[in-house]
Amino acid sequence: MKVNKKVLGTLNKCYALAQVEFDGKNYLACAAEKEDPCYLYDYEGNFIEKLWDGPGGVMSLEQYLNQTYPTLLATWKFYSPNNGADSKIVYYLRKDGEWQIHT
């Protein structure tokens, strides 16, 4: 088997990945550990969109299935090792072509 490395983009301290499916297509969401955004790529490695700018601290990222609208659950501001006092679980809902945050 031959493997080719392909750089999809730049994300400081990418920590969480999740498979995301909506509109009949599969995507890969990549979120940062620190103060950085979350990006969405298709399975061919093409950048699709920025899901959010920050605040980062995303240690887990998961699609919440069987919802009316595509929904992602994420930890937020969970900075390691001892700085998680402001952390919380948030969800992002894709409605009308945009990701909306709910805290």
Protein backbone atom coordinates (compact mmCIF):
# COMPACT_ATOMS: atom_id res chain seq x y z
CA MET A 1 0.00 0.00 0.00
CA LYS A 2 1.26 3.45 -0.90
CA VAL A 3 0.42 6.34 1.42
CA ASN A 4 0.60 10.00 0.45
CA LYS A 5 0.72 12.76 3.04
CA LYS A 6 -1.57 15.69 2.28
CA VAL A 7 -1.62 18.84 4.40
CA LEU A 8 -5.25 19.94 4.67
CA GLY A 9 -4.70 23.10 6.66
CA THR A 10 -3.08 24.57 9.73
CA LEU A 11 -4.59 24.28 13.18
CA ASN A 12 -2.54 24.91 16.31
CA LYS A 13 -2.79 21.91 18.65
CA CYS A 14 -5.55 20.00 16.88
CA TYR A 15 -7.00 17.81 19.62
CA ALA A 16 -10.48 16.60 18.72
CA LEU A 17 -11.77 15.01 15.52
CA ALA A 18 -15.29 13.89 14.67
CA GLN A 19 -17.06 12.38 11.71
CA VAL A 20 -19.99 14.61 10.80
CA GLU A 21 -22.78 13.73 8.39
CA PHE A 22 -25.37 16.11 6.96
CA ASP A 23 -27.07 16.71 3.63
CA GLY A 24 -26.14 13.14 2.66
CA LYS A 25 -22.38 13.81 2.84
CA ASN A 26 -19.63 12.86 5.30
CA TYR A 27 -17.18 15.36 6.74
CA LEU A 28 -14.38 15.56 9.28
CA ALA A 29 -14.52 18.24 11.98
CA CYS A 30 -11.16 19.25 13.50
CA ALA A 31 -11.08 21.33 16.69
CA ALA A 32 -8.25 22.92 18.65
CA GLU A 33 -7.07 22.34 22.19
CA LYS A 34 -6.21 25.98 22.84
CA GLU A 35 -7.59 29.34 21.63
CA ASP A 36 -8.22 28.32 18.03
CA PRO A 37 -11.10 27.49 15.67
CA CYS A 38 -12.83 24.35 14.46
CA TYR A 39 -12.75 23.48 10.76
CA LEU A 40 -14.79 21.17 8.55
CA TYR A 41 -13.25 19.16 5.69
CA ASP A 42 -14.74 16.72 3.22
CA TYR A 43 -13.31 13.23 2.88
CA GLU A 44 -11.24 14.31 -0.14
CA GLY A 45 -9.38 16.77 2.10
CA ASN A 46 -11.05 19.94 0.85
CA PHE A 47 -11.75 22.75 3.30
CA ILE A 48 -15.52 23.27 3.58
CA GLU A 49 -16.00 25.89 6.30
CA LYS A 50 -15.01 27.23 9.69
CA LEU A 51 -17.51 26.01 12.28
CA TRP A 52 -16.44 28.46 14.97
CA ASP A 53 -13.56 30.80 15.86
CA GLY A 54 -13.04 29.79 19.46
CA PRO A 55 -12.62 29.83 22.39
CA GLY A 56 -11.06 26.39 21.93
CA GLY A 57 -10.33 24.02 24.75
CA VAL A 58 -12.14 21.32 22.78
CA MET A 59 -11.15 17.96 24.24
CA SER A 60 -14.15 16.08 22.84
CA LEU A 61 -16.32 16.55 19.79
CA GLU A 62 -19.19 14.31 18.74
CA GLN A 63 -22.18 14.49 16.42
CA TYR A 64 -25.51 14.05 18.18
CA LEU A 65 -27.38 11.79 15.78
CA ASN A 66 -31.04 11.58 14.77
CA GLN A 67 -31.79 15.27 15.28
CA THR A 68 -33.93 17.52 13.08
CA TYR A 69 -30.81 19.58 12.30
CA PRO A 70 -27.15 18.46 12.29
CA THR A 71 -25.88 18.90 15.86
CA LEU A 72 -22.36 18.76 17.32
CA LEU A 73 -21.61 18.42 21.04
CA ALA A 74 -18.29 19.83 22.22
CA THR A 75 -16.41 20.64 25.37
CA TRP A 76 -15.44 24.29 25.55
CA LYS A 77 -12.62 26.02 27.46
CA PHE A 78 -11.37 22.75 28.90
CA TYR A 79 -7.71 23.73 29.12
CA SER A 80 -5.31 21.21 30.58
CA PRO A 81 -3.98 20.33 32.97
CA ASN A 82 -5.49 22.46 35.75
CA ASN A 83 -7.42 25.25 34.09
CA GLY A 84 -10.95 23.99 33.44
CA ALA A 85 -13.02 26.03 35.91
CA ASP A 86 -14.85 27.82 33.07
CA SER A 87 -15.33 24.70 30.95
CA LYS A 88 -18.75 23.59 29.75
CA ILE A 89 -20.48 21.39 27.23
CA VAL A 90 -21.99 23.29 24.32
CA TYR A 91 -23.76 22.26 21.17
CA TYR A 92 -23.69 23.66 17.68
CA LEU A 93 -26.76 23.35 15.49
CA ARG A 94 -26.59 23.72 11.71
CA LYS A 95 -29.66 25.59 10.57
CA ASP A 96 -30.20 27.64 7.41
CA GLY A 97 -26.63 26.90 6.28
CA GLU A 98 -24.96 28.25 9.44
CA TRP A 99 -23.68 26.75 12.69
CA GLN A 100 -25.39 28.31 15.71
CA ILE A 101 -23.97 27.95 19.22
CA HIS A 102 -26.09 26.98 22.21
CA THR A 103 -24.51 27.11 25.66
